[in-house]
């Protein structure tokens, strides 16, 4: 049986990306779409993690996932880029530096 969760309580238990974080992610996303590498995205806000998933085609598995895990803020860093096989490609405290691994792929495409 489903139980009613007031919106105020729902949002306090969910991890999500803040506007400055989304601005950084969507800036990279726009450049990758313009280069023809990425075509679609999805955002999930869960209890312990927020995920921005990137797709090459709409009906397939994500090729990359950008994760935010606040519980890891004081350890390895709360941001991570995860490949389609589940391997963590880069983790850190600064979102821009973590996304640098995907920026390199954009530079290779231009060459």
Protein backbone atom coordinates (compact mmCIF):
# COMPACT_ATOMS: atom_id res chain seq x y z
CA UNK A 1 0.00 0.00 0.00
CA UNK A 2 1.37 3.41 -0.93
CA UNK A 3 1.72 5.99 1.79
CA UNK A 4 1.43 9.72 1.36
CA UNK A 5 4.71 11.65 1.80
CA UNK A 6 4.32 15.43 2.22
CA UNK A 7 6.44 17.36 -0.28
CA UNK A 8 8.33 19.18 2.48
CA UNK A 9 9.49 15.85 3.95
CA UNK A 10 10.19 14.32 0.53
CA UNK A 11 12.65 17.02 -0.51
CA UNK A 12 14.54 16.95 2.78
CA UNK A 13 15.44 13.27 2.25
CA UNK A 14 16.53 13.56 -1.39
CA UNK A 15 19.92 14.51 -2.80
CA UNK A 16 19.77 16.80 -5.81
CA UNK A 17 22.04 18.98 -7.90
CA UNK A 18 22.03 22.69 -7.08
CA UNK A 19 21.68 25.34 -9.80
CA UNK A 20 25.45 26.16 -10.03
CA UNK A 21 26.23 22.43 -10.37
CA UNK A 22 23.61 21.98 -13.09
CA UNK A 23 24.97 25.02 -14.92
CA UNK A 24 28.42 23.41 -15.10
CA UNK A 25 27.05 20.03 -16.16
CA UNK A 26 24.65 21.44 -18.77
CA UNK A 27 27.42 23.60 -20.24
CA UNK A 28 29.48 20.47 -20.91
CA UNK A 29 26.37 18.64 -22.11
CA UNK A 30 25.63 21.39 -24.67
CA UNK A 31 29.16 21.23 -26.08
CA UNK A 32 28.99 17.44 -26.37
CA UNK A 33 25.60 17.59 -28.09
CA UNK A 34 26.99 20.15 -30.55
CA UNK A 35 29.86 17.77 -31.33
CA UNK A 36 27.37 14.94 -31.96
CA UNK A 37 28.57 12.69 -29.12
CA UNK A 38 25.64 12.97 -26.72
CA UNK A 39 21.94 13.13 -27.53
CA UNK A 40 19.89 12.78 -24.36
CA UNK A 41 20.12 12.97 -20.57
CA UNK A 42 18.23 11.98 -17.47
CA UNK A 43 18.36 13.27 -13.91
CA UNK A 44 17.61 11.13 -10.86
CA UNK A 45 17.35 12.46 -7.32
CA UNK A 46 17.50 9.63 -4.83
CA UNK A 47 17.93 9.28 -1.08
CA UNK A 48 21.75 9.10 -1.06
CA UNK A 49 22.77 10.12 -4.57
CA UNK A 50 21.86 12.50 -7.39
CA UNK A 51 22.67 11.21 -10.88
CA UNK A 52 22.94 13.01 -14.22
CA UNK A 53 22.98 10.25 -16.86
CA UNK A 54 24.16 10.86 -20.42
CA UNK A 55 22.94 8.84 -23.41
CA UNK A 56 24.24 8.53 -26.95
CA UNK A 57 20.80 7.35 -28.09
CA UNK A 58 17.54 7.66 -26.21
CA UNK A 59 16.75 3.95 -25.86
CA UNK A 60 20.07 2.69 -24.53
CA UNK A 61 21.99 2.53 -21.26
CA UNK A 62 23.81 5.69 -20.16
CA UNK A 63 27.36 6.03 -21.48
CA UNK A 64 28.33 8.20 -18.49
CA UNK A 65 26.78 9.06 -15.15
CA UNK A 66 27.76 12.09 -13.12
CA UNK A 67 27.06 11.35 -9.47
CA UNK A 68 26.80 13.51 -6.37
CA UNK A 69 27.12 11.65 -3.07
CA UNK A 70 27.23 14.12 -0.16
CA UNK A 71 28.17 11.38 2.33
CA UNK A 72 31.57 11.09 0.58
CA UNK A 73 32.21 14.87 0.80
CA UNK A 74 34.85 14.49 3.53
CA UNK A 75 36.45 11.35 2.10
CA UNK A 76 37.16 10.86 -1.62
CA UNK A 77 34.91 13.69 -2.75
CA UNK A 78 31.20 13.91 -3.44
CA UNK A 79 31.40 14.05 -7.27
CA UNK A 80 32.17 11.13 -9.57
CA UNK A 81 32.05 10.27 -13.26
CA UNK A 82 31.03 6.66 -13.81
CA UNK A 83 31.41 4.79 -17.11
CA UNK A 84 28.79 2.56 -18.69
CA UNK A 85 30.42 -0.51 -17.14
CA UNK A 86 30.09 0.94 -13.62
CA UNK A 87 33.76 1.82 -13.27
CA UNK A 88 34.48 5.11 -11.53
CA UNK A 89 36.53 7.13 -14.04
CA UNK A 90 37.22 10.06 -11.73
CA UNK A 91 36.17 11.18 -8.26
CA UNK A 92 36.84 14.42 -6.43
CA UNK A 93 35.73 17.41 -4.41
CA UNK A 94 35.49 19.90 -7.30
CA UNK A 95 32.87 19.27 -10.01
CA UNK A 96 34.79 21.08 -12.77
CA UNK A 97 37.96 19.06 -12.19
CA UNK A 98 35.99 15.79 -12.10
CA UNK A 99 34.29 16.66 -15.40
CA UNK A 100 37.74 17.31 -16.88
CA UNK A 101 37.94 13.65 -17.89
CA UNK A 102 34.96 14.21 -20.20
CA UNK A 103 36.40 17.53 -21.47
CA UNK A 104 39.42 15.62 -22.77
CA UNK A 105 37.11 13.49 -24.89
CA UNK A 106 35.68 16.68 -26.40
CA UNK A 107 39.17 17.96 -27.27
CA UNK A 108 39.99 14.65 -29.00
CA UNK A 109 36.83 14.95 -31.10
CA UNK A 110 37.81 18.39 -32.36
CA UNK A 111 41.34 17.39 -33.40
